Amino acid sequence: MCDSRTDTKTGLLPVNEVRSLLDVCWKAKTITELMPALPKGMKPRYVHVIDAVWHINETNGQEIGTARVSDVSAFLGVTTPSVTKLVGEMVELGLVVKHMDAADRRAVTLTLTERGLDIRRVYVEEYHAHLSQLLGGLTVEQCETTVRTLTEALRLMQEDAQHRKSM
């Protein structure tokens, strides 16, 4: 897709625009580093898993575990083995509970503990409410454009990395 700043002869994005895009990606990383400090031993990925479990379980209530590890990995767009490892760590920290199906021990669902729900309340609900006020000067369109642009850039760069790896 070409716009007025894409070289129409070559279809290339000008190098200075590539530099600007990469610079803003570093700024985005800095934004994540400005998030509130997590409790000792808590990894930022745990908050993502907690939020995913909460959203997956939301339709049936938080007491009834419908979230499976595969659901969480699909929700987050990461591999199932990486979520399995995180969930194991989170069980040890008392953030989630694994529920085994009596008929099929491989069928495991997840629910959040009170501690997990508290973490979500502070680091998702309250922090997002704070950011909603702080970022009130941005438009929905600006946010949607940023999300689309970064998502597409990531997709293209991941495809390129896979292509280069297979050579």
N, C-alpha and C. Protein backbone atom coordinates (compact mmCIF):
# COMPACT_ATOMS: atom_id res chain seq x y z
N MET A 1 0.85 -1.17 0.00
CA MET A 1 0.00 0.00 0.00
C MET A 1 0.90 1.23 0.00
N CYS A 2 0.72 2.11 -0.96
CA CYS A 2 1.56 3.29 -1.09
C CYS A 2 0.79 4.52 -0.66
N ASP A 3 1.47 5.41 0.01
CA ASP A 3 0.89 6.72 0.30
C ASP A 3 1.84 7.77 -0.25
N SER A 4 1.58 9.01 0.05
CA SER A 4 2.37 10.09 -0.54
C SER A 4 3.83 10.06 -0.11
N ARG A 5 4.14 9.37 0.98
CA ARG A 5 5.53 9.34 1.43
C ARG A 5 6.25 8.06 1.02
N THR A 6 5.55 7.14 0.36
CA THR A 6 6.19 5.94 -0.15
C THR A 6 6.69 6.24 -1.55
N ASP A 7 7.90 5.82 -1.84
CA ASP A 7 8.46 6.02 -3.18
C ASP A 7 7.64 5.18 -4.16
N THR A 8 6.86 5.86 -5.02
CA THR A 8 5.96 5.15 -5.92
C THR A 8 6.70 4.33 -6.97
N LYS A 9 7.92 4.70 -7.29
CA LYS A 9 8.69 3.94 -8.29
C LYS A 9 9.18 2.62 -7.72
N THR A 10 9.61 2.63 -6.48
CA THR A 10 10.19 1.41 -5.89
C THR A 10 9.26 0.73 -4.89
N GLY A 11 8.25 1.44 -4.40
CA GLY A 11 7.37 0.88 -3.37
C GLY A 11 8.05 0.79 -2.02
N LEU A 12 9.16 1.50 -1.85
CA LEU A 12 9.93 1.45 -0.61
C LEU A 12 9.52 2.57 0.33
N LEU A 13 9.50 2.26 1.59
CA LEU A 13 9.31 3.28 2.62
C LEU A 13 10.66 3.98 2.79
N PRO A 14 10.69 5.30 2.75
CA PRO A 14 11.97 6.00 2.90
C PRO A 14 12.67 5.61 4.20
N VAL A 15 13.99 5.51 4.13
CA VAL A 15 14.81 5.07 5.26
C VAL A 15 14.58 5.96 6.49
N ASN A 16 14.40 7.26 6.30
CA ASN A 16 14.17 8.13 7.46
C ASN A 16 12.85 7.79 8.15
N GLU A 17 11.85 7.31 7.40
CA GLU A 17 10.58 6.88 8.01
C GLU A 17 10.76 5.57 8.76
N VAL A 18 11.58 4.68 8.22
CA VAL A 18 11.91 3.42 8.91
C VAL A 18 12.58 3.75 10.24
N ARG A 19 13.52 4.68 10.21
CA ARG A 19 14.23 5.09 11.42
C ARG A 19 13.22 5.65 12.45
N SER A 20 12.31 6.49 11.99
CA SER A 20 11.30 7.07 12.90
C SER A 20 10.42 5.98 13.50
N LEU A 21 10.04 4.99 12.69
CA LEU A 21 9.21 3.89 13.19
C LEU A 21 9.96 3.09 14.25
N LEU A 22 11.22 2.77 13.98
CA LEU A 22 12.01 2.02 14.96
C LEU A 22 12.24 2.83 16.23
N ASP A 23 12.45 4.13 16.08
CA ASP A 23 12.62 5.00 17.25
C ASP A 23 11.37 4.99 18.13
N VAL A 24 10.20 5.05 17.50
CA VAL A 24 8.97 5.05 18.29
C VAL A 24 8.73 3.69 18.95
N CYS A 25 9.24 2.62 18.34
CA CYS A 25 9.14 1.31 18.99
C CYS A 25 9.96 1.29 20.28
N TRP A 26 11.13 1.92 20.27
CA TRP A 26 11.93 2.03 21.50
C TRP A 26 11.20 2.87 22.54
N LYS A 27 10.53 3.92 22.07
CA LYS A 27 9.75 4.74 23.00
C LYS A 27 8.61 3.93 23.60
N ALA A 28 7.99 3.08 22.79
CA ALA A 28 6.91 2.23 23.29
C ALA A 28 7.43 1.28 24.36
N LYS A 29 8.63 0.76 24.16
CA LYS A 29 9.24 -0.10 25.19
C LYS A 29 9.44 0.70 26.47
N THR A 30 9.86 1.95 26.34
CA THR A 30 10.05 2.82 27.51
C THR A 30 8.72 3.04 28.23
N ILE A 31 7.63 3.16 27.47
CA ILE A 31 6.31 3.33 28.09
C ILE A 31 6.01 2.15 29.00
N THR A 32 6.30 0.93 28.54
CA THR A 32 6.02 -0.24 29.38
C THR A 32 6.89 -0.25 30.63
N GLU A 33 8.07 0.36 30.55
CA GLU A 33 8.95 0.42 31.71
C GLU A 33 8.48 1.45 32.74
N LEU A 34 7.54 2.32 32.36
CA LEU A 34 7.00 3.33 33.28
C LEU A 34 5.79 2.81 34.06
N MET A 35 5.41 1.57 33.80
CA MET A 35 4.28 1.00 34.52
C MET A 35 4.63 0.86 35.99
N PRO A 36 3.62 0.80 36.86
CA PRO A 36 3.91 0.67 38.30
C PRO A 36 4.74 -0.57 38.60
N ALA A 37 5.59 -0.44 39.59
CA ALA A 37 6.45 -1.57 40.00
C ALA A 37 5.58 -2.72 40.48
N LEU A 38 5.95 -3.91 40.07
CA LEU A 38 5.23 -5.11 40.48
C LEU A 38 5.78 -5.61 41.81
N PRO A 39 4.99 -6.40 42.54
CA PRO A 39 5.50 -6.99 43.78
C PRO A 39 6.73 -7.86 43.49
N LYS A 40 7.57 -8.02 44.48
CA LYS A 40 8.79 -8.83 44.35
C LYS A 40 8.43 -10.24 43.85
N GLY A 41 9.18 -10.70 42.87
CA GLY A 41 8.97 -12.03 42.31
C GLY A 41 7.92 -12.09 41.21
N MET A 42 7.27 -10.98 40.96
CA MET A 42 6.20 -10.94 39.96
C MET A 42 6.76 -10.49 38.61
N LYS A 43 6.50 -11.27 37.57
CA LYS A 43 6.94 -10.93 36.22
C LYS A 43 5.81 -10.20 35.49
N PRO A 44 6.13 -9.24 34.63
CA PRO A 44 5.07 -8.57 33.86
C PRO A 44 4.20 -9.54 33.07
N ARG A 45 4.78 -10.63 32.58
CA ARG A 45 3.98 -11.60 31.81
C ARG A 45 2.89 -12.22 32.67
N TYR A 46 3.12 -12.32 33.98
CA TYR A 46 2.08 -12.88 34.85
C TYR A 46 0.81 -12.03 34.77
N VAL A 47 0.98 -10.72 34.71
CA VAL A 47 -0.19 -9.82 34.65
C VAL A 47 -0.95 -10.08 33.35
N HIS A 48 -0.23 -10.31 32.26
CA HIS A 48 -0.89 -10.61 30.98
C HIS A 48 -1.67 -11.92 31.07
N VAL A 49 -1.07 -12.93 31.68
CA VAL A 49 -1.75 -14.22 31.82
C VAL A 49 -2.96 -14.07 32.73
N ILE A 50 -2.81 -13.36 33.84
CA ILE A 50 -3.93 -13.12 34.76
C ILE A 50 -5.08 -12.46 34.02
N ASP A 51 -4.77 -11.44 33.24
CA ASP A 51 -5.82 -10.72 32.51
C ASP A 51 -6.48 -11.63 31.47
N ALA A 52 -5.68 -12.46 30.80
CA ALA A 52 -6.24 -13.39 29.81
C ALA A 52 -7.18 -14.39 30.49
N VAL A 53 -6.75 -14.98 31.60
CA VAL A 53 -7.60 -15.93 32.34
C VAL A 53 -8.89 -15.24 32.76
N TRP A 54 -8.79 -14.02 33.26
CA TRP A 54 -9.97 -13.28 33.70
C TRP A 54 -10.94 -13.09 32.53
N HIS A 55 -10.44 -12.65 31.38
CA HIS A 55 -11.31 -12.41 30.21
C HIS A 55 -11.95 -13.70 29.71
N ILE A 56 -11.18 -14.77 29.66
CA ILE A 56 -11.72 -16.05 29.18
C ILE A 56 -12.79 -16.57 30.13
N ASN A 57 -12.57 -16.43 31.43
CA ASN A 57 -13.53 -16.91 32.42
C ASN A 57 -14.71 -15.96 32.63
N GLU A 58 -14.61 -14.74 32.11
CA GLU A 58 -15.61 -13.70 32.39
C GLU A 58 -17.05 -14.13 32.07
N THR A 59 -17.27 -14.82 30.98
CA THR A 59 -18.64 -15.16 30.59
C THR A 59 -19.32 -16.10 31.57
N ASN A 60 -18.57 -16.96 32.24
CA ASN A 60 -19.15 -17.91 33.19
C ASN A 60 -18.93 -17.52 34.65
N GLY A 61 -18.28 -16.39 34.87
CA GLY A 61 -17.95 -15.98 36.23
C GLY A 61 -16.57 -16.49 36.60
N GLN A 62 -15.93 -15.80 37.50
CA GLN A 62 -14.54 -16.12 37.83
C GLN A 62 -14.39 -17.39 38.67
N GLU A 63 -15.48 -17.88 39.25
CA GLU A 63 -15.39 -19.08 40.08
C GLU A 63 -15.36 -20.35 39.24
N ILE A 64 -15.91 -20.27 38.02
CA ILE A 64 -15.98 -21.44 37.15
C ILE A 64 -14.87 -21.33 36.11
N GLY A 65 -13.90 -22.22 36.20
CA GLY A 65 -12.77 -22.15 35.29
C GLY A 65 -13.07 -22.75 33.93
N THR A 66 -13.09 -21.91 32.92
CA THR A 66 -13.22 -22.39 31.55
C THR A 66 -11.93 -22.15 30.77
N ALA A 67 -11.05 -21.34 31.33
CA ALA A 67 -9.79 -20.99 30.65
C ALA A 67 -8.84 -22.17 30.68
N ARG A 68 -8.42 -22.60 29.49
CA ARG A 68 -7.40 -23.63 29.37
C ARG A 68 -6.10 -22.96 28.95
N VAL A 69 -4.99 -23.63 29.16
CA VAL A 69 -3.70 -23.07 28.79
C VAL A 69 -3.69 -22.72 27.30
N SER A 70 -4.26 -23.58 26.48
CA SER A 70 -4.30 -23.30 25.03
C SER A 70 -5.12 -22.06 24.72
N ASP A 71 -6.19 -21.83 25.49
CA ASP A 71 -7.00 -20.61 25.31
C ASP A 71 -6.18 -19.37 25.66
N VAL A 72 -5.44 -19.46 26.75
CA VAL A 72 -4.61 -18.33 27.19
C VAL A 72 -3.53 -18.05 26.16
N SER A 73 -2.89 -19.09 25.64
CA SER A 73 -1.84 -18.87 24.64
C SER A 73 -2.42 -18.25 23.37
N ALA A 74 -3.61 -18.68 22.96
CA ALA A 74 -4.26 -18.09 21.78
C ALA A 74 -4.64 -16.64 22.05
N PHE A 75 -5.17 -16.37 23.23
CA PHE A 75 -5.57 -15.01 23.62
C PHE A 75 -4.38 -14.06 23.57
N LEU A 76 -3.23 -14.53 24.04
CA LEU A 76 -2.02 -13.70 24.10
C LEU A 76 -1.18 -13.75 22.83
N GLY A 77 -1.47 -14.72 21.96
CA GLY A 77 -0.68 -14.87 20.74
C GLY A 77 0.73 -15.37 20.99
N VAL A 78 0.87 -16.26 21.97
CA VAL A 78 2.17 -16.85 22.30
C VAL A 78 2.04 -18.37 22.31
N THR A 79 3.17 -19.06 22.42
CA THR A 79 3.14 -20.52 22.35
C THR A 79 2.57 -21.13 23.63
N THR A 80 1.94 -22.29 23.47
CA THR A 80 1.37 -23.00 24.62
C THR A 80 2.45 -23.41 25.62
N PRO A 81 3.62 -23.93 25.19
CA PRO A 81 4.65 -24.28 26.18
C PRO A 81 5.09 -23.10 27.04
N SER A 82 5.16 -21.90 26.46
CA SER A 82 5.58 -20.75 27.27
C SER A 82 4.52 -20.41 28.31
N VAL A 83 3.24 -20.55 27.95
CA VAL A 83 2.17 -20.29 28.93
C VAL A 83 2.15 -21.38 29.99
N THR A 84 2.38 -22.62 29.59
CA THR A 84 2.42 -23.74 30.55
C THR A 84 3.47 -23.47 31.62
N LYS A 85 4.64 -23.01 31.19
CA LYS A 85 5.72 -22.70 32.14
C LYS A 85 5.29 -21.56 33.07
N LEU A 86 4.73 -20.49 32.51
CA LEU A 86 4.29 -19.36 33.33
C LEU A 86 3.22 -19.78 34.33
N VAL A 87 2.26 -20.58 33.87
CA VAL A 87 1.17 -21.02 34.75
C VAL A 87 1.73 -21.84 35.91
N GLY A 88 2.70 -22.70 35.64
CA GLY A 88 3.33 -23.47 36.72
C GLY A 88 3.95 -22.56 37.77
N GLU A 89 4.64 -21.53 37.32
CA GLU A 89 5.24 -20.56 38.24
C GLU A 89 4.15 -19.81 39.01
N MET A 90 3.08 -19.48 38.31
CA MET A 90 2.00 -18.70 38.94
C MET A 90 1.22 -19.51 39.96
N VAL A 91 1.11 -20.81 39.74
CA VAL A 91 0.47 -21.69 40.73
C VAL A 91 1.29 -21.67 42.01
N GLU A 92 2.62 -21.78 41.86
CA GLU A 92 3.51 -21.75 43.03
C GLU A 92 3.42 -20.43 43.80
N LEU A 93 3.15 -19.34 43.09
CA LEU A 93 3.03 -18.02 43.72
C LEU A 93 1.62 -17.74 44.26
N GLY A 94 0.71 -18.69 44.05
CA GLY A 94 -0.65 -18.51 44.55
C GLY A 94 -1.46 -17.50 43.75
N LEU A 95 -1.20 -17.40 42.45
CA LEU A 95 -1.93 -16.45 41.59
C LEU A 95 -3.06 -17.13 40.83
N VAL A 96 -2.85 -18.38 40.45
CA VAL A 96 -3.87 -19.15 39.74
C VAL A 96 -3.99 -20.54 40.35
N VAL A 97 -5.14 -21.16 40.09
CA VAL A 97 -5.38 -22.54 40.52
C VAL A 97 -5.66 -23.36 39.27
N LYS A 98 -5.03 -24.54 39.19
CA LYS A 98 -5.29 -25.47 38.10
C LYS A 98 -6.34 -26.47 38.58
N HIS A 99 -7.35 -26.69 37.75
CA HIS A 99 -8.42 -27.64 38.05
C HIS A 99 -8.34 -28.78 37.05
N MET A 100 -8.09 -30.00 37.56
CA MET A 100 -8.00 -31.18 36.70
C MET A 100 -9.39 -31.78 36.51
N ASP A 101 -9.68 -32.20 35.30
CA ASP A 101 -10.93 -32.89 35.01
C ASP A 101 -10.78 -34.33 35.52
N ALA A 102 -11.76 -34.80 36.27
CA ALA A 102 -11.68 -36.14 36.85
C ALA A 102 -11.61 -37.22 35.77
N ALA A 103 -12.30 -37.00 34.66
CA ALA A 103 -12.33 -37.99 33.58
C ALA A 103 -11.09 -37.92 32.70
N ASP A 104 -10.54 -36.73 32.52
CA ASP A 104 -9.39 -36.55 31.63
C ASP A 104 -8.38 -35.63 32.30
N ARG A 105 -7.34 -36.21 32.89
CA ARG A 105 -6.37 -35.42 33.65
C ARG A 105 -5.60 -34.43 32.78
N ARG A 106 -5.64 -34.61 31.46
CA ARG A 106 -4.98 -33.64 30.58
C ARG A 106 -5.81 -32.37 30.44
N ALA A 107 -7.11 -32.48 30.69
CA ALA A 107 -8.01 -31.33 30.56
C ALA A 107 -7.92 -30.50 31.84
N VAL A 108 -7.19 -29.41 31.77
CA VAL A 108 -6.95 -28.55 32.93
C VAL A 108 -7.55 -27.18 32.64
N THR A 109 -8.31 -26.66 33.60
CA THR A 109 -8.80 -25.29 33.49
C THR A 109 -8.16 -24.46 34.59
N LEU A 110 -8.22 -23.14 34.41
CA LEU A 110 -7.56 -22.21 35.32
C LEU A 110 -8.55 -21.22 35.89
N THR A 111 -8.37 -20.91 37.17
CA THR A 111 -9.09 -19.80 37.80
C THR A 111 -8.08 -18.96 38.56
N LEU A 112 -8.46 -17.73 38.80
CA LEU A 112 -7.60 -16.82 39.56
C LEU A 112 -7.88 -16.95 41.04
N THR A 113 -6.84 -16.87 41.84
CA THR A 113 -6.99 -16.82 43.29
C THR A 113 -7.36 -15.39 43.68
N GLU A 114 -7.65 -15.18 44.94
CA GLU A 114 -7.90 -13.81 45.42
C GLU A 114 -6.70 -12.92 45.14
N ARG A 115 -5.50 -13.48 45.34
CA ARG A 115 -4.28 -12.70 45.07
C ARG A 115 -4.20 -12.35 43.58
N GLY A 116 -4.52 -13.30 42.71
CA GLY A 116 -4.53 -13.04 41.28
C GLY A 116 -5.54 -11.97 40.90
N LEU A 117 -6.73 -12.04 41.51
CA LEU A 117 -7.76 -11.03 41.26
C LEU A 117 -7.31 -9.65 41.75
N ASP A 118 -6.63 -9.62 42.90
CA ASP A 118 -6.12 -8.34 43.43
C ASP A 118 -5.07 -7.75 42.49
N ILE A 119 -4.17 -8.59 41.98
CA ILE A 119 -3.15 -8.13 41.04
C ILE A 119 -3.83 -7.53 39.81
N ARG A 120 -4.84 -8.19 39.30
CA ARG A 120 -5.55 -7.68 38.12
C ARG A 120 -6.22 -6.35 38.43
N ARG A 121 -6.84 -6.26 39.59
CA ARG A 121 -7.53 -5.01 39.96
C ARG A 121 -6.54 -3.85 39.96
N VAL A 122 -5.38 -4.03 40.59
CA VAL A 122 -4.41 -2.94 40.72
C VAL A 122 -3.69 -2.66 39.41
N TYR A 123 -3.18 -3.71 38.75
CA TYR A 123 -2.28 -3.51 37.61
C TYR A 123 -2.99 -3.50 36.26
N VAL A 124 -4.26 -3.83 36.23
CA VAL A 124 -5.02 -3.73 34.98
C VAL A 124 -6.14 -2.70 35.14
N GLU A 125 -7.11 -3.00 35.99
CA GLU A 125 -8.28 -2.11 36.10
C GLU A 125 -7.90 -0.69 36.55
N GLU A 126 -7.22 -0.58 37.68
CA GLU A 126 -6.90 0.74 38.22
C GLU A 126 -5.88 1.47 37.35
N TYR A 127 -4.86 0.76 36.87
CA TYR A 127 -3.84 1.41 36.04
C TYR A 127 -4.42 1.84 34.70
N HIS A 128 -5.25 1.01 34.10
CA HIS A 128 -5.88 1.39 32.83
C HIS A 128 -6.83 2.57 33.02
N ALA A 129 -7.53 2.61 34.14
CA ALA A 129 -8.40 3.76 34.43
C ALA A 129 -7.56 5.03 34.56
N HIS A 130 -6.41 4.92 35.22
CA HIS A 130 -5.51 6.06 35.35
C HIS A 130 -5.02 6.52 33.97
N LEU A 131 -4.60 5.57 33.14
CA LEU A 131 -4.12 5.92 31.80
C LEU A 131 -5.24 6.49 30.93
N SER A 132 -6.46 6.04 31.15
CA SER A 132 -7.59 6.57 30.40
C SER A 132 -7.72 8.08 30.62
N GLN A 133 -7.51 8.51 31.85
CA GLN A 133 -7.54 9.94 32.16
C GLN A 133 -6.29 10.64 31.63
N LEU A 134 -5.14 10.05 31.88
CA LEU A 134 -3.87 10.64 31.47
C LEU A 134 -3.79 10.84 29.96
N LEU A 135 -4.28 9.87 29.21
CA LEU A 135 -4.19 9.90 27.75
C LEU A 135 -5.45 10.46 27.10
N GLY A 136 -6.26 11.13 27.89
CA GLY A 136 -7.53 11.67 27.40
C GLY A 136 -7.40 12.62 26.23
N GLY A 137 -6.23 13.20 26.02
CA GLY A 137 -6.02 14.10 24.90
C GLY A 137 -5.83 13.39 23.56
N LEU A 138 -5.64 12.09 23.59
CA LEU A 138 -5.52 11.32 22.36
C LEU A 138 -6.91 10.94 21.86
N THR A 139 -7.04 10.81 20.56
CA THR A 139 -8.33 10.38 20.01
C THR A 139 -8.33 8.86 19.84
N VAL A 140 -9.53 8.31 19.74
CA VAL A 140 -9.67 6.88 19.47
C VAL A 140 -9.01 6.56 18.13
N GLU A 141 -9.18 7.44 17.16
CA GLU A 141 -8.57 7.23 15.84
C GLU A 141 -7.04 7.16 15.94
N GLN A 142 -6.43 8.03 16.73
CA GLN A 142 -4.98 7.99 16.91
C GLN A 142 -4.55 6.65 17.50
N CYS A 143 -5.28 6.20 18.51
CA CYS A 143 -4.95 4.92 19.14
C CYS A 143 -5.11 3.77 18.16
N GLU A 144 -6.21 3.76 17.42
CA GLU A 144 -6.45 2.68 16.45
C GLU A 144 -5.39 2.67 15.36
N THR A 145 -4.98 3.84 14.89
CA THR A 145 -3.94 3.93 13.86
C THR A 145 -2.62 3.39 14.40
N THR A 146 -2.28 3.76 15.62
CA THR A 146 -1.04 3.28 16.24
C THR A 146 -1.06 1.76 16.37
N VAL A 147 -2.18 1.22 16.84
CA VAL A 147 -2.30 -0.23 17.00
C VAL A 147 -2.16 -0.93 15.65
N ARG A 148 -2.87 -0.43 14.65
CA ARG A 148 -2.80 -1.05 13.31
C ARG A 148 -1.38 -0.99 12.76
N THR A 149 -0.74 0.17 12.88
CA THR A 149 0.60 0.35 12.32
C THR A 149 1.61 -0.57 12.99
N LEU A 150 1.62 -0.58 14.33
CA LEU A 150 2.60 -1.42 15.03
C LEU A 150 2.31 -2.90 14.83
N THR A 151 1.04 -3.27 14.78
CA THR A 151 0.68 -4.67 14.55
C THR A 151 1.14 -5.12 13.18
N GLU A 152 0.91 -4.29 12.17
CA GLU A 152 1.32 -4.64 10.81
C GLU A 152 2.84 -4.66 10.69
N ALA A 153 3.53 -3.71 11.29
CA ALA A 153 5.00 -3.70 11.25
C ALA A 153 5.54 -4.98 11.89
N LEU A 154 4.97 -5.37 13.03
CA LEU A 154 5.40 -6.60 13.70
C LEU A 154 5.16 -7.81 12.81
N ARG A 155 3.99 -7.89 12.21
CA ARG A 155 3.67 -9.02 11.34
C ARG A 155 4.67 -9.13 10.19
N LEU A 156 4.92 -8.01 9.52
CA LEU A 156 5.86 -8.01 8.39
C LEU A 156 7.27 -8.40 8.82
N MET A 157 7.70 -7.88 9.96
CA MET A 157 9.06 -8.17 10.43
C MET A 157 9.18 -9.62 10.90
N GLN A 158 8.12 -10.17 11.50
CA GLN A 158 8.15 -11.58 11.91
C GLN A 158 8.20 -12.49 10.68
N GLU A 159 7.40 -12.16 9.66
CA GLU A 159 7.44 -12.94 8.42
C GLU A 159 8.83 -12.90 7.81
N ASP A 160 9.43 -11.71 7.79
CA ASP A 160 10.78 -11.56 7.24
C ASP A 160 11.79 -12.39 8.04
N ALA A 161 11.68 -12.35 9.36
CA ALA A 161 12.60 -13.12 10.21
C ALA A 161 12.46 -14.61 9.93
N GLN A 162 11.22 -15.09 9.78
CA GLN A 162 11.00 -16.51 9.46
C GLN A 162 11.59 -16.85 8.10
N HIS A 163 11.39 -15.96 7.14
CA HIS A 163 11.91 -16.19 5.79
C HIS A 163 13.44 -16.26 5.81
N ARG A 164 14.07 -15.33 6.52
CA ARG A 164 15.54 -15.31 6.60
C ARG A 164 16.07 -16.53 7.32
N LYS A 165 15.32 -17.00 8.32
CA LYS A 165 15.73 -18.17 9.10
C LYS A 165 15.68 -19.44 8.24
N SER A 166 14.73 -19.50 7.32
CA SER A 166 14.56 -20.70 6.50
C SER A 166 15.53 -20.76 5.32
N MET A 167 16.30 -19.70 5.13
CA MET A 167 17.24 -19.67 3.99
C MET A 167 18.51 -20.42 4.32
